[in-house]
Structure formats: C-alpha cells, structure tokens
Amino acid sequence: MCPVHLYTGQEAVAAGICCHLNPDDYIFSNHRSHGHYLAKGGDLKKLIAEVYCKEKGCSRGRGGSMHVYDLEAGMMGSAPIVAGTISLALGAALASRIRKDNRVSITFLGDGATGEGVLYESLNYAALKKLPIIFVCENNYYSTHLPISEIRVSDQIYKVAQPFGVKTHRVDGNDVLAVSDVAREAVSLCREGQGPVFIEAMTYRMRGHVGPDDNIQGTHTDIRPKEEIEQWRLKDPLTRFEKYLVENNVCTQAYLSDIQECLQKEIEEAHHEACQDAFPDSKEIAKYVFRENT
C-alpha cells in the first residue's frame, strides 16, 4: 500500500484553477494530488481504486495514492519527490509551443518545493521562451511538519518569480471565486503566448501531513496549535462557497444538501467496489514500465 496525503482544506485551489482548463490541457502534481485529478475531470472510482492499489485504478494499481496518472483526463502524473514534476510540466509546455497546439500546462507545487533549485531553473527557461505554463504554489504554511517561518526568510513566495520577469499573483486559496478570477487571466495569457504565470494560493490543510491525522500509535506528531487549526476551519473553502451560493440566491441549502448526499453515496460505492477489485497480477510486474510498440 501507499501513504495517503489528503487534500482536505485546499479544494478551492484545484477547482478554481482547473475550471478554466480544456480537456486536453495538462496538469502535473505532487504527493497531495487527489483534488487536482478530480478537478481536472478524473474518475472518482479510478482514483479510489488506485489508492487501494487495485488493477482498475487510474495507474492500474502500480502507483498508489502518490503516483496518480490518467492521460484521458490530462493528468500527466504526480510524484512524492519534492518539486519532482515541475521540470516535466516545463517540458510539456515546451512541446506545446513547438507543436502549436494551444495547450496550457499546470504544475501544482507546495511551499516546500520553493527550496528546490529545479523551480528556479524552470522559471528562468519558461520566461525566456514565454512558455504556456502556470506555476501554482499551494502555500499551506507547513512543509511536512515545519512551519514556513523556520525554512524561509520571507513568506511572500510569489515574489520569487519576479526576478525572472514572470507575472505573479498572490490569492486567497480558500476563496474559489478569487482563485478562479486569477486563473482565468493566467490561462488566457498563456494561450496568447504571454506566459508563464506564477500563482501563490494561501491555503491550509485540515488533515495531518499523512492520512486523516498525525497520530501514530497514540503519539501526536502534529505540531500545529489546535487554535490555529480551528481558526482555519472557519475559512473552510467548501462552507465559504456554500454560504456564498445561498446568500446570493444561486441555490438553496436543501439543494446543496441533496448534492452532498449524492456525493456521499458515490464515494461509498467507489470504496466498496475498490475493495472488491483485484490487485495487479504479480506476473505483470514489469508491464507498463515502458510504452509497448503496437
């Protein structure tokens, strides 16, 4: 099995970005990738099957939670290596420019990835070639268990892209409409040949670094103050958007409750099916490692 890094609390970032992408646009992700995949149009049942490492998973059970891949959804892969997919997204953007196919590439990265040199190399090259790529940094204030104040002199991450001449934005990552507004402009600029763009989305994970919490054998390893977690719970992106929809007469609370009930049933069904699915055949351990010629 594979460790599971939940996206709870950061949903507005993926939704606000991906709602402006076309089906054939590309996204590249990190260890906390479930929300990105679903927002891009990924299949819920395939995702949960992959978490269980089952053959019907989007990566055919070979990847697990941290290696989500689905070409049909434009999900070009996620990886637990910090900053590991940034250069891959850069390459996809370069390919799009060469092919002139008008595709946009998104690389989702965490605040911890800003300590890796590949980000700055990629920013420089993307700016030099004006590539159609958007760097989306989800700043949830913690790199695993280290607060950002202990690993960065400045917490204004969006400014790291400015010396390269890259257009930058800092946005409330728990406000899906604010993220959407910034993303709409960024995607448009990239399609017009005026990329790249760097977006820092300020957000917060409501679960532990791994799994639902950070309690391991009764030992609490989450260093975050309970008061801080509760303050961010009041800014939950889902409840904020629900409140907006109801207060602006877009829909009723009853309608939203019906949606939640339907989603809960879909999730339960997906988990049930995944439990019944088969694991990959051990005899095919080397299959899908390389593309087979047909």
Protein backbone atom coordinates (compact mmCIF):
# COMPACT_ATOMS: atom_id res chain seq x y z
CA MET A 1 0.00 0.00 0.00
CA CYS A 2 0.97 3.65 -0.32
CA PRO A 3 0.78 6.56 2.17
CA VAL A 4 -2.24 8.77 1.52
CA HIS A 5 -1.91 12.56 1.63
CA LEU A 6 -5.38 14.11 1.77
CA TYR A 7 -6.36 17.36 0.05
CA THR A 8 -8.99 18.39 2.61
CA GLY A 9 -8.98 22.17 3.10
CA GLN A 10 -7.29 23.04 -0.19
CA GLU A 11 -10.13 22.20 -2.58
CA ALA A 12 -10.67 25.76 -3.81
CA VAL A 13 -7.24 25.87 -5.42
CA ALA A 14 -7.70 22.85 -7.67
CA ALA A 15 -11.30 23.74 -8.51
CA GLY A 16 -10.54 27.40 -9.23
CA ILE A 17 -7.60 26.55 -11.49
CA CYS A 18 -8.92 23.55 -13.36
CA CYS A 19 -12.34 25.00 -14.20
CA HIS A 20 -10.60 27.14 -16.86
CA LEU A 21 -8.70 24.28 -18.48
CA ASN A 22 -9.65 22.34 -21.58
CA PRO A 23 -9.79 18.53 -21.50
CA ASP A 24 -6.53 18.31 -23.46
CA ASP A 25 -4.61 20.73 -21.23
CA TYR A 26 -2.01 19.18 -18.95
CA ILE A 27 -1.64 19.12 -15.18
CA PHE A 28 1.29 17.80 -13.15
CA SER A 29 1.02 17.26 -9.44
CA ASN A 30 2.73 16.26 -6.21
CA HIS A 31 2.05 13.87 -3.33
CA ARG A 32 -1.22 15.69 -2.42
CA SER A 33 -2.80 15.19 -5.82
CA HIS A 34 -6.32 13.80 -5.37
CA GLY A 35 -8.04 17.18 -5.63
CA HIS A 36 -6.08 18.13 -8.73
CA TYR A 37 -7.04 14.92 -10.50
CA LEU A 38 -10.74 15.16 -9.68
CA ALA A 39 -10.91 18.87 -10.55
CA LYS A 40 -9.37 18.14 -13.96
CA GLY A 41 -12.16 15.66 -14.67
CA GLY A 42 -10.61 12.48 -13.31
CA ASP A 43 -12.73 9.45 -12.48
CA LEU A 44 -13.59 9.07 -8.78
CA LYS A 45 -13.78 5.27 -8.92
CA LYS A 46 -10.45 5.01 -10.71
CA LEU A 47 -8.84 7.29 -8.12
CA ILE A 48 -10.09 5.35 -5.11
CA ALA A 49 -9.17 2.06 -6.77
CA GLU A 50 -5.67 3.42 -7.24
CA VAL A 51 -5.46 4.43 -3.57
CA TYR A 52 -6.19 0.76 -2.82
CA CYS A 53 -3.55 -0.21 -5.43
CA LYS A 54 -6.11 -2.15 -7.47
CA GLU A 55 -5.89 -3.08 -11.16
CA LYS A 56 -8.86 -0.86 -12.05
CA GLY A 57 -7.09 2.20 -10.69
CA CYS A 58 -6.10 5.08 -12.94
CA SER A 59 -2.47 3.91 -12.72
CA ARG A 60 -3.57 0.26 -12.86
CA GLY A 61 -2.64 -0.20 -9.23
CA ARG A 62 1.05 0.34 -9.91
CA GLY A 63 1.26 3.84 -8.43
CA GLY A 64 -0.93 4.14 -5.37
CA SER A 65 -2.02 7.43 -3.84
CA MET A 66 1.12 9.40 -4.66
CA HIS A 67 1.53 8.34 -8.30
CA VAL A 68 -1.74 9.30 -9.99
CA TYR A 69 -1.74 9.23 -13.78
CA ASP A 70 -4.57 9.41 -16.31
CA LEU A 71 -3.80 10.57 -19.83
CA GLU A 72 -7.50 10.79 -20.74
CA ALA A 73 -8.03 13.41 -18.02
CA GLY A 74 -4.85 15.30 -18.86
CA MET A 75 -3.34 14.17 -15.55
CA MET A 76 0.24 13.60 -16.63
CA GLY A 77 1.39 12.31 -13.29
CA SER A 78 2.08 13.07 -9.67
CA ALA A 79 5.16 12.19 -7.66
CA PRO A 80 6.19 12.33 -3.98
CA ILE A 81 9.63 13.72 -4.86
CA VAL A 82 9.53 17.37 -3.82
CA ALA A 83 9.44 19.54 -6.97
CA GLY A 84 9.71 16.32 -8.99
CA THR A 85 7.16 17.19 -11.68
CA ILE A 86 7.97 20.87 -12.21
CA SER A 87 10.51 20.20 -14.95
CA LEU A 88 8.14 17.67 -16.55
CA ALA A 89 5.45 20.35 -16.82
CA LEU A 90 8.07 22.67 -18.32
CA GLY A 91 8.85 20.07 -20.96
CA ALA A 92 5.16 19.63 -21.77
CA ALA A 93 4.78 23.38 -22.17
CA LEU A 94 7.79 23.49 -24.49
CA ALA A 95 6.30 20.66 -26.55
CA SER A 96 3.01 22.56 -26.78
CA ARG A 97 4.85 25.62 -28.01
CA ILE A 98 6.71 23.61 -30.66
CA ARG A 99 3.57 21.79 -31.80
CA LYS A 100 1.48 24.98 -31.62
CA ASP A 101 -1.41 23.01 -30.12
CA ASN A 102 -2.51 25.84 -27.76
CA ARG A 103 -2.37 23.61 -24.68
CA VAL A 104 -1.59 25.00 -21.23
CA SER A 105 0.41 23.11 -18.63
CA ILE A 106 -0.12 23.49 -14.90
CA THR A 107 2.39 22.44 -12.29
CA PHE A 108 0.99 22.22 -8.75
CA LEU A 109 3.68 22.55 -6.09
CA GLY A 110 3.80 23.06 -2.36
CA ASP A 111 5.61 25.77 -0.43
CA GLY A 112 8.34 23.25 0.38
CA ALA A 113 9.16 22.91 -3.32
CA THR A 114 10.32 26.53 -3.40
CA GLY A 115 13.52 25.34 -1.72
CA GLU A 116 14.46 23.22 -4.73
CA GLY A 117 16.68 24.56 -7.48
CA VAL A 118 14.67 23.00 -10.31
CA LEU A 119 11.90 25.53 -9.70
CA TYR A 120 14.19 28.46 -10.45
CA GLU A 121 15.75 26.79 -13.47
CA SER A 122 12.25 26.12 -14.80
CA LEU A 123 11.07 29.67 -14.11
CA ASN A 124 14.02 31.07 -15.99
CA TYR A 125 13.59 28.85 -19.04
CA ALA A 126 9.81 29.30 -19.11
CA ALA A 127 10.21 33.07 -19.02
CA LEU A 128 12.94 33.00 -21.66
CA LYS A 129 10.78 31.03 -24.09
CA LYS A 130 7.44 32.53 -22.96
CA LEU A 131 6.03 29.07 -22.43
CA PRO A 132 2.34 28.34 -21.73
CA ILE A 133 2.87 27.13 -18.16
CA ILE A 134 1.33 28.19 -14.85
CA PHE A 135 3.21 27.51 -11.63
CA VAL A 136 0.62 27.08 -8.86
CA CYS A 137 2.18 27.13 -5.40
CA GLU A 138 -0.23 25.95 -2.71
CA ASN A 139 1.17 27.60 0.39
CA ASN A 140 -0.37 25.77 3.35
CA TYR A 141 2.23 27.21 5.74
CA TYR A 142 3.85 23.86 6.54
CA SER A 143 6.43 21.70 4.81
CA THR A 144 5.58 18.32 6.30
CA HIS A 145 5.88 19.38 9.97
CA LEU A 146 8.00 22.51 9.64
CA PRO A 147 6.25 25.92 9.71
CA ILE A 148 7.22 28.19 6.87
CA SER A 149 8.82 30.65 9.31
CA GLU A 150 11.52 28.07 10.06
CA ILE A 151 12.55 27.43 6.46
CA ARG A 152 12.15 30.78 4.68
CA VAL A 153 13.36 34.29 5.43
CA SER A 154 10.28 35.70 3.67
CA ASP A 155 6.86 34.10 3.49
CA GLN A 156 5.98 36.03 0.32
CA ILE A 157 6.66 33.17 -2.03
CA TYR A 158 5.09 34.76 -5.11
CA LYS A 159 7.97 37.24 -5.22
CA VAL A 160 10.50 34.50 -6.08
CA ALA A 161 9.27 34.53 -9.68
CA GLN A 162 9.51 38.27 -10.17
CA PRO A 163 13.27 38.47 -10.87
CA PHE A 164 12.68 36.24 -13.89
CA GLY A 165 10.12 38.65 -15.32
CA VAL A 166 7.28 36.25 -14.62
CA LYS A 167 3.80 37.62 -13.93
CA THR A 168 2.88 36.81 -10.35
CA HIS A 169 -0.23 36.71 -8.20
CA ARG A 170 -0.98 36.05 -4.54
CA VAL A 171 -4.53 34.95 -3.87
CA ASP A 172 -6.75 33.68 -1.06
CA GLY A 173 -6.57 29.97 -1.82
CA ASN A 174 -9.67 29.25 0.25
CA ASP A 175 -11.84 31.52 -1.92
CA VAL A 176 -12.67 29.55 -5.06
CA LEU A 177 -14.01 32.63 -6.86
CA ALA A 178 -10.83 34.61 -6.18
CA VAL A 179 -8.71 31.70 -7.43
CA SER A 180 -10.94 31.39 -10.49
CA ASP A 181 -10.52 35.06 -11.38
CA VAL A 182 -6.73 34.82 -11.23
CA ALA A 183 -6.69 31.52 -13.09
CA ARG A 184 -8.90 32.83 -15.89
CA GLU A 185 -6.44 35.63 -16.59
CA ALA A 186 -3.42 33.35 -16.29
CA VAL A 187 -4.77 30.72 -18.68
CA SER A 188 -5.75 33.42 -21.17
CA LEU A 189 -2.26 34.94 -21.09
CA CYS A 190 -0.67 31.55 -21.69
CA ARG A 191 -2.91 30.82 -24.66
CA GLU A 192 -1.98 34.21 -26.10
CA GLY A 193 1.72 33.42 -25.87
CA GLN A 194 2.31 35.70 -22.88
CA GLY A 195 3.17 33.06 -20.29
CA PRO A 196 4.41 31.92 -17.92
CA VAL A 197 2.47 32.89 -14.78
CA PHE A 198 3.19 32.16 -11.10
CA ILE A 199 0.30 31.94 -8.62
CA GLU A 200 0.73 31.63 -4.87
CA ALA A 201 -2.50 30.41 -3.26
CA MET A 202 -2.67 30.86 0.50
CA THR A 203 -4.44 27.86 1.97
CA TYR A 204 -4.32 25.28 4.78
CA ARG A 205 -4.59 21.52 5.05
CA MET A 206 -7.18 20.43 7.57
CA ARG A 207 -5.84 16.89 7.95
CA GLY A 208 -2.47 15.56 9.02
CA HIS A 209 0.50 15.54 6.70
CA VAL A 210 -0.30 11.89 6.00
CA GLY A 211 -3.73 10.38 6.47
CA PRO A 212 -6.65 11.83 8.43
CA ASP A 213 -4.41 12.96 11.32
CA ASP A 214 -0.85 12.74 12.58
CA ASN A 215 -1.44 10.37 15.45
CA ILE A 216 0.90 7.40 15.15
CA GLN A 217 0.47 4.65 17.75
CA GLY A 218 -1.05 7.12 20.16
CA THR A 219 1.67 9.72 19.74
CA HIS A 220 0.51 13.10 18.45
CA THR A 221 3.06 14.39 15.95
CA ASP A 222 1.13 17.36 14.53
CA ILE A 223 2.93 20.45 15.80
CA ARG A 224 0.20 22.82 14.66
CA PRO A 225 -1.61 24.63 17.51
CA LYS A 226 -5.22 23.50 17.91
CA GLU A 227 -6.30 27.14 17.97
CA GLU A 228 -4.68 27.69 14.57
CA ILE A 229 -6.46 24.68 13.07
CA GLU A 230 -9.82 25.87 14.40
CA GLN A 231 -9.27 29.37 13.02
CA TRP A 232 -8.65 27.92 9.58
CA ARG A 233 -11.64 25.63 9.92
CA LEU A 234 -13.78 28.78 9.92
CA LYS A 235 -12.28 29.59 6.50
CA ASP A 236 -13.08 26.19 5.00
CA PRO A 237 -13.41 26.71 1.22
CA LEU A 238 -16.43 24.43 0.87
CA THR A 239 -18.54 26.05 3.57
CA ARG A 240 -17.50 29.52 2.36
CA PHE A 241 -18.67 28.77 -1.16
CA GLU A 242 -21.88 27.17 0.09
CA LYS A 243 -22.60 30.32 2.09
CA TYR A 244 -21.96 32.48 -0.97
CA LEU A 245 -24.31 30.41 -3.14
CA VAL A 246 -27.14 30.53 -0.62
CA GLU A 247 -26.76 34.21 0.30
CA ASN A 248 -26.68 35.22 -3.38
CA ASN A 249 -29.74 33.09 -4.22
CA VAL A 250 -27.82 30.89 -6.62
CA CYS A 251 -29.32 27.81 -4.97
CA THR A 252 -30.89 26.70 -1.70
CA GLN A 253 -29.32 24.92 1.22
CA ALA A 254 -31.64 22.00 0.55
CA TYR A 255 -30.24 21.69 -2.98
CA LEU A 256 -26.69 21.67 -1.64
CA SER A 257 -27.65 19.03 0.93
CA ASP A 258 -29.01 16.85 -1.87
CA ILE A 259 -25.70 17.20 -3.74
CA GLN A 260 -23.75 16.22 -0.63
CA GLU A 261 -25.96 13.17 -0.13
CA CYS A 262 -25.46 12.05 -3.73
CA LEU A 263 -21.71 12.56 -3.47
CA GLN A 264 -21.54 10.58 -0.26
CA LYS A 265 -23.29 7.66 -1.95
CA GLU A 266 -20.90 7.83 -4.92
CA ILE A 267 -17.89 7.80 -2.60
CA GLU A 268 -19.20 4.88 -0.56
CA GLU A 269 -19.94 2.93 -3.74
CA ALA A 270 -16.46 3.66 -5.09
CA HIS A 271 -14.85 2.41 -1.87
CA HIS A 272 -17.00 -0.70 -1.88
CA GLU A 273 -16.12 -1.54 -5.49
CA ALA A 274 -12.44 -0.87 -4.89
CA CYS A 275 -12.42 -3.33 -2.01
CA GLN A 276 -13.84 -5.99 -4.33
CA ASP A 277 -11.45 -5.28 -7.20
CA ALA A 278 -8.41 -7.42 -7.88
CA PHE A 279 -4.81 -6.44 -7.27
CA PRO A 280 -2.45 -6.38 -10.28
CA ASP A 281 -1.15 -9.77 -11.38
CA SER A 282 2.35 -10.26 -9.93
CA LYS A 283 3.39 -11.86 -13.19
CA GLU A 284 2.88 -8.49 -14.90
CA ILE A 285 5.16 -6.56 -12.57
CA ALA A 286 7.23 -5.25 -15.48
CA LYS A 287 4.21 -4.30 -17.60
CA TYR A 288 3.55 -0.58 -18.22
CA VAL A 289 7.09 0.33 -17.19
CA PHE A 290 7.82 1.24 -20.81
CA ARG A 291 5.47 2.02 -23.66
CA GLU A 292 4.96 -1.06 -25.74
CA ASN A 293 5.13 -0.75 -29.52
CA THR A 294 1.95 -1.75 -31.33
